[in-house]
Each structure stands twice: as structure tokens, then as C-alpha cells.
Protein backbone atom coordinates (compact mmCIF):
# COMPACT_ATOMS: atom_id res chain seq x y z
CA MET A 1 102.85 220.99 -14.27
CA PHE A 2 101.47 223.29 -11.52
CA ALA A 3 104.13 221.08 -8.96
CA ARG A 4 107.04 222.10 -12.06
CA ARG A 5 105.87 225.86 -11.52
CA PHE A 6 105.43 226.01 -7.73
CA PHE A 7 108.94 224.88 -7.51
CA PHE A 8 110.29 227.05 -9.97
CA PHE A 9 108.53 230.35 -8.14
CA LEU A 10 108.92 229.18 -4.78
CA PRO A 11 112.64 229.79 -4.82
CA LEU A 12 112.01 233.73 -5.94
CA LEU A 13 109.69 234.16 -2.80
CA ILE A 14 111.87 232.99 -0.56
CA LEU A 15 114.58 235.44 -1.73
CA SER A 16 111.82 238.37 -1.90
CA CYS A 17 110.90 237.73 1.72
CA ALA A 18 114.57 237.48 2.53
CA LEU A 19 115.34 240.66 0.66
CA ALA A 20 112.36 242.44 2.80
CA ALA A 21 113.36 241.53 5.71
CA CYS A 22 116.83 243.48 5.20
CA ALA A 23 115.39 246.45 3.43
CA PRO A 24 116.36 249.88 5.24
CA ARG A 25 113.37 251.01 7.68
CA THR A 26 113.76 254.69 7.72
CA SER A 27 111.68 257.09 6.05
CA ARG A 28 114.08 259.21 4.12
CA PRO A 29 112.66 262.57 2.43
CA THR A 30 111.81 262.58 -1.13
CA ILE A 31 114.33 263.30 -3.20
CA ASP A 32 113.80 266.64 -6.10
CA PRO A 33 114.60 265.23 -9.55
CA LYS A 34 115.66 268.99 -10.02
CA GLN A 35 117.66 269.41 -7.65
CA THR A 36 119.88 265.97 -8.10
CA ALA A 37 120.32 267.46 -11.84
CA ASP A 38 121.13 270.74 -10.68
CA GLU A 39 124.16 269.19 -8.22
CA VAL A 40 125.06 267.40 -11.61
CA LEU A 41 125.84 270.87 -13.02
CA ILE A 42 127.76 271.84 -9.82
CA GLN A 43 129.95 268.91 -9.24
CA LYS A 44 130.46 268.45 -13.28
CA GLU A 45 131.80 272.45 -12.94
CA LEU A 46 134.28 271.48 -9.92
CA VAL A 47 135.79 268.84 -11.95
CA ALA A 48 136.46 271.09 -14.84
CA ARG A 49 137.76 273.91 -12.87
CA ASP A 50 140.30 271.35 -10.89
CA TYR A 51 141.01 270.09 -14.33
CA ALA A 52 141.52 273.87 -15.69
CA GLU A 53 143.72 274.54 -12.59
CA ARG A 54 146.10 271.74 -12.49
CA GLU A 55 146.61 272.53 -15.93
CA ARG A 56 147.32 275.72 -15.94
CA ARG A 57 149.93 274.75 -13.34
CA LEU A 58 151.71 272.37 -15.67
CA HIS A 59 151.93 275.01 -18.13
CA ARG A 60 153.50 277.78 -15.68
CA VAL A 61 155.75 275.22 -14.33
CA ALA A 62 157.11 273.63 -17.98
CA ALA A 63 157.05 277.27 -19.79
CA PRO A 64 160.48 278.73 -17.89
CA LEU A 65 161.84 274.84 -18.36
CA LEU A 66 161.52 274.60 -22.30
CA MET A 67 162.03 278.27 -22.39
CA ARG A 68 165.53 278.66 -20.78
CA ASN A 69 166.78 275.34 -21.60
CA ALA A 70 166.26 275.92 -25.50
CA ASP A 71 170.32 275.84 -26.18
CA LEU A 72 170.24 272.61 -24.88
CA CYS A 73 167.89 271.01 -26.94
CA GLY A 74 169.41 270.51 -29.96
CA ASP A 75 167.33 270.83 -32.83
CA LYS A 76 163.97 269.77 -30.71
CA VAL A 77 163.45 273.51 -30.47
CA LYS A 78 160.20 275.91 -31.61
CA GLY A 79 159.06 279.64 -31.60
CA PHE A 80 157.01 279.88 -28.39
CA THR A 81 154.36 282.57 -26.82
CA GLY A 82 152.70 281.48 -23.80
CA LEU A 83 149.36 281.90 -25.36
CA TYR A 84 146.68 279.47 -25.25
CA VAL A 85 143.37 280.00 -26.93
CA ALA A 86 139.61 278.08 -26.41
CA GLN A 87 136.40 277.65 -28.19
CA ARG A 88 133.23 276.59 -26.96
CA ASP A 89 132.39 273.58 -29.53
CA ALA A 90 135.92 272.11 -29.17
CA PHE A 91 134.76 270.58 -26.07
CA GLU A 92 133.02 267.58 -25.62
CA ASP A 93 129.48 268.04 -25.20
CA GLU A 94 129.34 266.40 -21.45
CA TRP A 95 131.41 269.18 -20.21
CA ARG A 96 130.88 272.08 -22.69
CA SER A 97 128.55 273.63 -20.43
CA SER A 98 131.01 273.64 -17.69
CA VAL A 99 134.49 274.70 -19.53
CA SER A 100 132.54 277.73 -21.14
CA LYS A 101 131.45 278.74 -17.36
CA ILE A 102 135.20 278.70 -16.22
CA TYR A 103 136.23 280.28 -19.37
CA GLY A 104 133.42 282.39 -20.07
CA LEU A 105 133.34 280.90 -23.28
CA ASP A 106 130.79 282.27 -25.95
CA GLY A 107 131.10 280.51 -29.52
CA ARG A 108 134.10 283.16 -30.30
CA ILE A 109 137.99 281.98 -30.34
CA HIS A 110 139.06 283.13 -26.70
CA VAL A 111 142.68 283.59 -24.81
CA VAL A 112 141.91 281.52 -21.74
CA GLU A 113 145.53 281.94 -20.75
CA VAL A 114 148.72 283.78 -20.91
CA LEU A 115 151.56 282.63 -19.46
CA PRO A 116 153.87 285.24 -16.92
CA ASP A 117 156.77 286.34 -18.80
CA THR A 118 156.13 284.96 -21.92
CA PRO A 119 156.12 287.12 -25.36
CA ALA A 120 152.45 287.43 -24.89
CA GLU A 121 151.68 288.58 -21.96
CA ARG A 122 154.57 291.08 -23.14
CA ALA A 123 153.08 291.84 -25.78
CA GLY A 124 149.43 292.67 -24.01
CA VAL A 125 147.48 290.06 -24.31
CA ARG A 126 145.13 289.02 -21.81
CA VAL A 127 142.74 286.48 -20.49
CA GLY A 128 139.38 287.16 -21.86
CA ASP A 129 140.55 288.73 -25.08
CA VAL A 130 138.30 287.45 -28.19
CA VAL A 131 141.09 286.79 -31.32
CA LEU A 132 140.09 288.47 -34.52
CA ALA A 133 142.76 288.21 -36.95
CA LEU A 134 145.82 286.46 -37.38
CA ASP A 135 148.16 288.72 -39.56
CA GLY A 136 145.06 290.62 -40.46
CA THR A 137 143.96 287.86 -41.73
CA GLU A 138 140.33 287.27 -40.38
CA LEU A 139 139.43 283.97 -38.35
CA THR A 140 136.12 281.92 -38.67
CA GLN A 141 134.73 281.94 -35.08
CA ASN A 142 133.89 278.40 -34.47
CA ARG A 143 135.72 275.11 -33.94
CA LYS A 144 137.17 274.86 -37.51
CA GLY A 145 138.67 278.08 -36.75
CA LEU A 146 140.12 277.50 -33.51
CA TYR A 147 142.06 274.34 -35.11
CA ARG A 148 143.01 276.56 -38.38
CA PHE A 149 144.28 279.28 -35.95
CA GLN A 150 146.37 277.09 -33.64
CA GLU A 151 148.20 275.76 -36.51
CA ALA A 152 148.98 278.84 -38.09
CA MET A 153 149.92 280.85 -34.92
CA GLU A 154 152.24 277.90 -34.45
CA ASP A 155 153.80 278.10 -37.77
CA GLN A 156 154.15 281.45 -38.01
CA ALA A 157 155.69 281.52 -34.37
CA ASP A 158 158.85 279.27 -35.76
CA LYS A 159 158.94 281.83 -39.33
CA GLY A 160 159.18 284.89 -36.53
CA ALA A 161 156.87 287.89 -35.14
CA PHE A 162 153.50 288.39 -35.90
CA SER A 163 150.65 290.25 -35.22
CA LEU A 164 147.01 289.58 -33.77
CA THR A 165 143.84 291.48 -34.01
CA LEU A 166 141.96 291.51 -30.64
CA GLU A 167 138.71 292.38 -29.54
CA ARG A 168 138.77 293.63 -25.58
CA ASP A 169 135.48 295.75 -24.02
CA GLY A 170 134.16 296.05 -26.90
CA ALA A 171 137.09 297.36 -28.73
CA ARG A 172 139.53 296.42 -31.57
CA LEU A 173 143.23 296.44 -30.75
CA GLU A 174 146.09 295.04 -32.73
CA VAL A 175 149.33 293.59 -31.04
CA ARG A 176 152.98 292.21 -31.94
CA VAL A 177 153.77 288.82 -30.97
CA THR A 178 157.46 288.38 -30.84
CA PRO A 179 158.32 284.47 -30.10
CA VAL A 180 161.23 282.73 -28.33
CA PRO A 181 162.87 279.90 -28.30
CA ALA A 182 161.74 276.67 -26.54
CA CYS A 183 161.98 273.08 -26.38
CA ASP A 184 159.98 271.15 -28.44
CA TYR A 185 158.71 268.63 -26.17
CA PRO A 186 154.59 269.79 -25.18
CA VAL A 187 153.82 268.67 -21.89
CA VAL A 188 150.74 267.01 -21.88
CA PHE A 189 148.59 266.76 -18.53
CA GLU A 190 147.18 262.87 -17.99
CA GLY A 191 143.86 262.45 -15.55
CA LYS A 192 145.29 259.39 -13.77
CA GLU A 193 145.50 258.79 -10.32
CA GLU A 194 149.16 257.39 -10.23
CA VAL A 195 151.71 259.09 -9.20
CA ASN A 196 153.72 258.96 -12.10
CA ALA A 197 155.61 260.93 -15.12
CA TYR A 198 157.01 259.86 -18.64
CA ALA A 199 158.85 260.94 -21.42
CA THR A 200 157.90 259.60 -24.80
CA GLY A 201 160.80 261.00 -27.05
CA THR A 202 158.67 263.51 -28.13
CA HIS A 203 156.47 264.52 -25.27
CA ILE A 204 156.16 264.70 -21.56
CA LEU A 205 153.03 263.68 -19.61
CA ILE A 206 152.52 264.46 -15.98
CA THR A 207 149.72 262.51 -14.16
CA LYS A 208 147.15 263.93 -11.82
CA GLY A 209 148.51 262.24 -9.14
CA MET A 210 151.82 263.86 -9.60
CA VAL A 211 150.80 267.15 -9.61
CA ARG A 212 148.83 266.41 -6.71
CA PHE A 213 151.79 264.67 -5.15
CA CYS A 214 154.07 267.87 -5.96
CA GLY A 215 153.14 269.99 -3.50
CA LYS A 216 155.54 272.89 -4.50
CA ASP A 217 156.21 273.76 -7.83
CA ASP A 218 159.84 273.19 -7.46
CA GLU A 219 158.99 269.69 -6.63
CA LEU A 220 157.11 269.96 -9.76
CA ALA A 221 159.68 271.06 -11.91
CA VAL A 222 161.84 268.76 -10.52
CA ALA A 223 159.61 265.77 -11.56
CA MET A 224 159.47 267.70 -15.04
CA ALA A 225 162.89 268.74 -16.03
CA HIS A 226 164.09 264.37 -15.36
CA GLU A 227 161.06 263.73 -17.95
CA LEU A 228 163.00 266.37 -20.14
CA ALA A 229 166.36 265.09 -20.00
CA HIS A 230 165.17 261.57 -20.51
CA ASN A 231 163.74 263.27 -23.96
CA THR A 232 166.99 265.30 -24.50
CA MET A 233 169.56 262.81 -23.87
CA GLY A 234 167.80 260.41 -26.43
CA HIS A 235 167.17 257.51 -23.83
CA ILE A 236 164.03 256.52 -25.27
CA ASP A 237 165.37 255.88 -28.79
CA ALA A 238 168.06 254.36 -26.87
CA GLN A 239 166.07 251.74 -24.84
CA ALA A 240 163.70 250.78 -28.11
CA ALA A 241 167.04 249.97 -29.82
CA ASN A 242 168.25 247.47 -26.97
CA ARG A 243 164.86 246.13 -27.01
CA MET A 244 164.98 245.68 -30.64
CA ALA A 245 168.59 243.87 -30.29
CA GLY A 246 167.24 241.71 -27.31
CA THR A 247 164.17 240.71 -29.76
CA ALA A 248 166.26 240.09 -32.77
CA VAL A 249 168.53 237.43 -30.44
CA ASP A 250 165.10 236.02 -29.48
CA ALA A 251 164.68 235.57 -33.41
CA VAL A 252 167.54 233.59 -33.92
CA PHE A 253 167.03 231.27 -31.18
CA ALA A 254 163.30 230.83 -32.18
CA VAL A 255 165.18 229.47 -35.91
CA LEU A 256 167.31 227.42 -33.98
CA GLY A 257 163.82 226.07 -32.47
CA VAL A 258 164.92 227.01 -29.07
CA ARG A 259 161.77 228.74 -26.83
CA THR A 260 163.62 231.92 -24.95
CA ASN A 261 160.32 233.57 -23.81
CA ARG A 262 161.15 236.86 -24.82
CA ALA A 263 164.12 236.78 -22.42
CA PHE A 264 166.78 238.98 -24.39
CA THR A 265 163.71 241.46 -25.39
CA ARG A 266 163.20 241.77 -21.58
CA LEU A 267 167.24 241.61 -21.11
CA GLY A 268 167.41 244.47 -23.35
CA ASP A 269 164.44 246.48 -22.63
CA GLY A 270 166.50 247.12 -19.27
CA ALA A 271 169.62 247.74 -20.67
CA PHE A 272 171.51 250.87 -19.08
CA SER A 273 167.89 251.80 -17.40
CA GLN A 274 169.20 252.71 -13.77
CA GLU A 275 172.01 254.17 -15.77
CA PHE A 276 169.42 256.60 -17.40
CA GLU A 277 167.53 257.44 -14.52
CA HIS A 278 170.84 258.19 -12.86
CA GLU A 279 171.45 260.47 -16.21
CA ALA A 280 168.26 261.96 -16.10
CA ASP A 281 168.13 262.90 -12.44
CA TYR A 282 171.35 264.70 -12.96
CA VAL A 283 170.75 266.48 -16.29
CA GLY A 284 167.23 267.27 -14.95
CA GLN A 285 168.58 269.03 -12.47
CA TYR A 286 170.52 271.52 -14.51
CA TYR A 287 167.57 271.87 -16.18
CA ALA A 288 165.70 272.90 -13.10
CA ALA A 289 168.12 275.04 -11.96
CA ARG A 290 168.68 277.15 -15.20
CA ALA A 291 165.10 277.68 -14.91
CA GLY A 292 165.77 279.30 -11.87
CA PHE A 293 163.56 276.59 -9.64
CA ASP A 294 165.04 275.65 -6.64
CA ILE A 295 167.00 272.40 -6.47
CA SER A 296 166.98 271.98 -2.80
CA VAL A 297 163.66 270.03 -2.99
CA ALA A 298 164.89 267.18 -5.38
CA GLY A 299 166.78 264.95 -2.16
CA GLU A 300 163.49 265.64 -0.11
CA PHE A 301 160.81 264.93 -2.93
CA TRP A 302 162.79 261.24 -3.09
CA ARG A 303 162.26 260.67 0.15
CA ARG A 304 158.67 261.61 0.20
CA MET A 305 158.45 259.07 -2.86
CA ALA A 306 160.25 256.50 -0.27
CA VAL A 307 157.14 257.06 2.13
CA ASP A 308 154.79 256.43 -0.46
CA SER A 309 156.60 253.37 -2.03
CA PRO A 310 158.84 251.95 1.31
CA GLU A 311 159.75 249.09 -1.40
CA ALA A 312 162.03 251.20 -3.10
CA ILE A 313 164.36 251.77 -0.42
CA THR A 314 166.09 248.70 -0.75
CA GLU A 315 164.47 247.52 -4.21
CA SER A 316 165.62 248.24 -7.79
CA TYR A 317 164.98 246.66 -11.31
CA THR A 318 164.70 249.50 -13.89
CA HIS A 319 164.90 252.50 -11.37
CA PRO A 320 167.82 253.03 -8.93
CA THR A 321 166.82 252.63 -4.85
CA THR A 322 165.33 256.25 -3.80
CA PRO A 323 168.40 256.13 -1.16
CA GLU A 324 170.83 256.27 -4.12
CA ARG A 325 168.65 259.04 -5.98
CA TYR A 326 169.15 261.19 -2.97
CA VAL A 327 172.58 260.74 -2.36
CA ALA A 328 173.43 261.18 -6.06
CA LEU A 329 170.76 264.21 -6.27
CA GLU A 330 172.37 266.04 -3.25
CA ALA A 331 176.05 265.74 -5.19
CA ALA A 332 174.57 267.08 -8.28
CA ARG A 333 173.28 270.31 -6.46
CA ALA A 334 176.43 270.66 -4.58
CA GLU A 335 178.14 270.81 -8.22
CA ILE A 336 175.83 273.15 -9.74
CA GLU A 337 176.06 275.45 -6.52
CA ARG A 338 179.88 275.32 -6.81
CA LYS A 339 179.17 276.34 -10.37
CA LYS A 340 177.01 279.18 -9.59
CA ALA A 341 179.53 280.11 -6.96
CA LEU A 342 182.56 280.49 -9.66
CA GLY A 343 180.20 282.02 -12.59
CA GLU A 344 180.94 278.94 -14.35
CA PRO A 345 178.22 277.76 -17.20
CA LEU A 346 175.60 275.89 -16.05
CA VAL A 347 176.15 272.60 -18.21
CA PRO A 348 175.87 269.17 -17.25
CA GLU A 349 179.27 267.51 -17.04
CA MET A 350 179.82 265.26 -20.14
CA LYS A 351 182.35 262.55 -20.91
CA PRO A 352 184.86 263.38 -23.28
CA SER A 353 183.91 261.70 -26.16
CA PRO A 354 186.38 259.47 -27.53
CA SER A 355 188.86 260.43 -30.36
CA PRO A 356 188.55 259.67 -33.97
CA ALA A 357 191.00 256.32 -34.06
CA GLU A 358 194.29 257.48 -36.62
CA PRO A 359 194.07 256.01 -39.95
CA ALA A 360 196.46 253.24 -40.55
CA LYS A 361 199.34 254.21 -42.53
CA ALA A 362 199.72 251.92 -45.75
CA GLU A 363 203.04 250.27 -45.77
CA THR A 364 205.24 250.72 -48.62
CA LYS A 365 208.24 247.91 -49.64
CA LYS A 366 211.64 248.89 -50.26
CA ARG A 367 212.82 247.53 -53.44
């Protein structure tokens, strides 16, 4: 029994000696736990401030894109104010203190962002105002009150002008906000590091990596306008339909006992994908130009993308190569600049709609 115990503990003894021999040899200063806890709060505030600044930039760039292209978004249009509010308890416990410090939240519903050249700014709303009432109806100053106010304001914005009762520097005042039409494709900030952007058919998602990659707001606008074009041109629905068609073919072969390994689903998923990307680039150029952004940065944006992902210079599957995109974007820019010079409407050139077939005439037999 002793021998078994000895041989069991012997490896542990050897490991302990080995680890002791490889342990740090310096005598470091003692770390104060309170200082560490304080540093945790400082770093969390830095993270929250960085997130807030990037989200504000996203909103600032998105606003003119969505407002000035409303007439090209069909029935996907809503009333837009440019007003963003927040309430302390709506944030997770871990971040509540940091976010409250950044925005100056005290438990009431505060205005945290007013976008330039929007109805909220023109009405005189300011960051820091406390929202007390909507069209005379007093708000409950808590998290539920925030959510109810956001829903009510969005609903009212689709109907027309509304009044807000605010508190500023201890005084009550009333302003009247007149919403304007905007494309109903909300832009959402994602905290992912990858350089990417997505269109879902209902939203536009921009990653943290993309916001960082786009050094200029004009570049960010080009990327955002590209995703807006995916939504307005119906690409997401078309890709879903193509995928379903491929899945149906796979299902038919499965009934016949033939395994396709989802080959037709993948084929349907990739159908027209490069053409959709080219179309989104082209239409997106118009959207960005109509919103007042400098679209000359689009070509250089894709040259930088090539530096970031060199394989995209020659390889293509779902997306065109970066040289193809550069050349096509420069051609689109020239087309837009020509229209500007001639005073022509800045709308994308569309293929002519196929004319309806002539109705077949019934033959009559002579008797």
C-alpha cells in the first residue's frame, strides 16, 4: 500500500519541483486590489465611450443616405426625426455605470443624440434634454417608460408632426417636431472585428471592423449605400428564392434515390451573386452621391480592400474581383458626374421593362 501511494505522489513531487525551478524570480510591487477595481471601471468606460462614438458616427452617416433616397425606397419608408434617447436602467448591469457617466443619465429619459440637419435639430431639441411628455401625455421615467415612448414616437412619426415637452436646465419647454420621410432600413452597429457589412432585407449591419477600416465618412457612406442597394433592389429575397429553387431540385433527386450533397442548393445560392454585387455597387454610388457624399473614394476603397485581402484581386466566387469592382465603380462615377454637369436627375439607369405580349387573336372561320 505504501509503495502504491509513493509511486502515485512521486510524479506530483517531480512536477512541483520542476515548476518551482521555472517560477518568476523577481520581487514585484504588491498590487492594490482597489486600484485594480478602479482600473476596471476606467477601462469599461473607455470601451463604452468607443462604442458610443462609433455608433454616433454610423447614425450621422446613415441619416442623409436614408432621408435623401426615400423616393427610391418604394413603400419601405417611415417618418424620421434624428432623435435618440436613453434611460439608465435599459443597459446591462455590467455597463450601466459607465454608460450613465458618458451620457449623464440619472434614471430619467434623456436625449443622447440629435443628428445634424434633421427634424429634431430644427425643432431645437438638444442633447441632455429630459423628455417629459409626448403630445401632452406624461412619460413614466423608467425603463418601461423609455420603451413605450420609443414605440409611441415611431408610430407618431409615421402620422405627422408631434410635440415634445422637455426639461432643460430645470425649466420646462415644448417643441414641435415634424418628421421627414426616410428609407425604412435601420442601420445597426455590430461589435465584430471583421471588416464587413451585411444587408438582411430589412436592416443594414455594419461591423466595428468596417467602421475602423473606413477612415473617411465618405468611405463609410459608400459601404452603407452598397448594403442599402442590396435591400432596395430585392437581392436578399431573390437569393432566398434561388436557394429554395436549388433545394427543391435536391429534394427531387433525393426522392429518386440520388444523393446530391446539396449541390443544387449551393448552385441556387450562388446564382447571380456577382451580378447582384455589381448592381449594388452601381446603385449604391447613386445613393451616396444623392446624399451629398464624395463617391470618388469608392475606387480607392476597393484598392485598400485588395491590400487587406490580396486573394480578392484574382479570386472570385460570390463577389467580383477587386479590379473589376474598381473599374465598374469608376465608370459609374463618370456617369453620375456627367448627369450632374447636365443637370439630369441622379437616378440609376434601369433596363427597359419587357413589353407585355400582344394578346392572341381568336381565329374566326368563314362560313
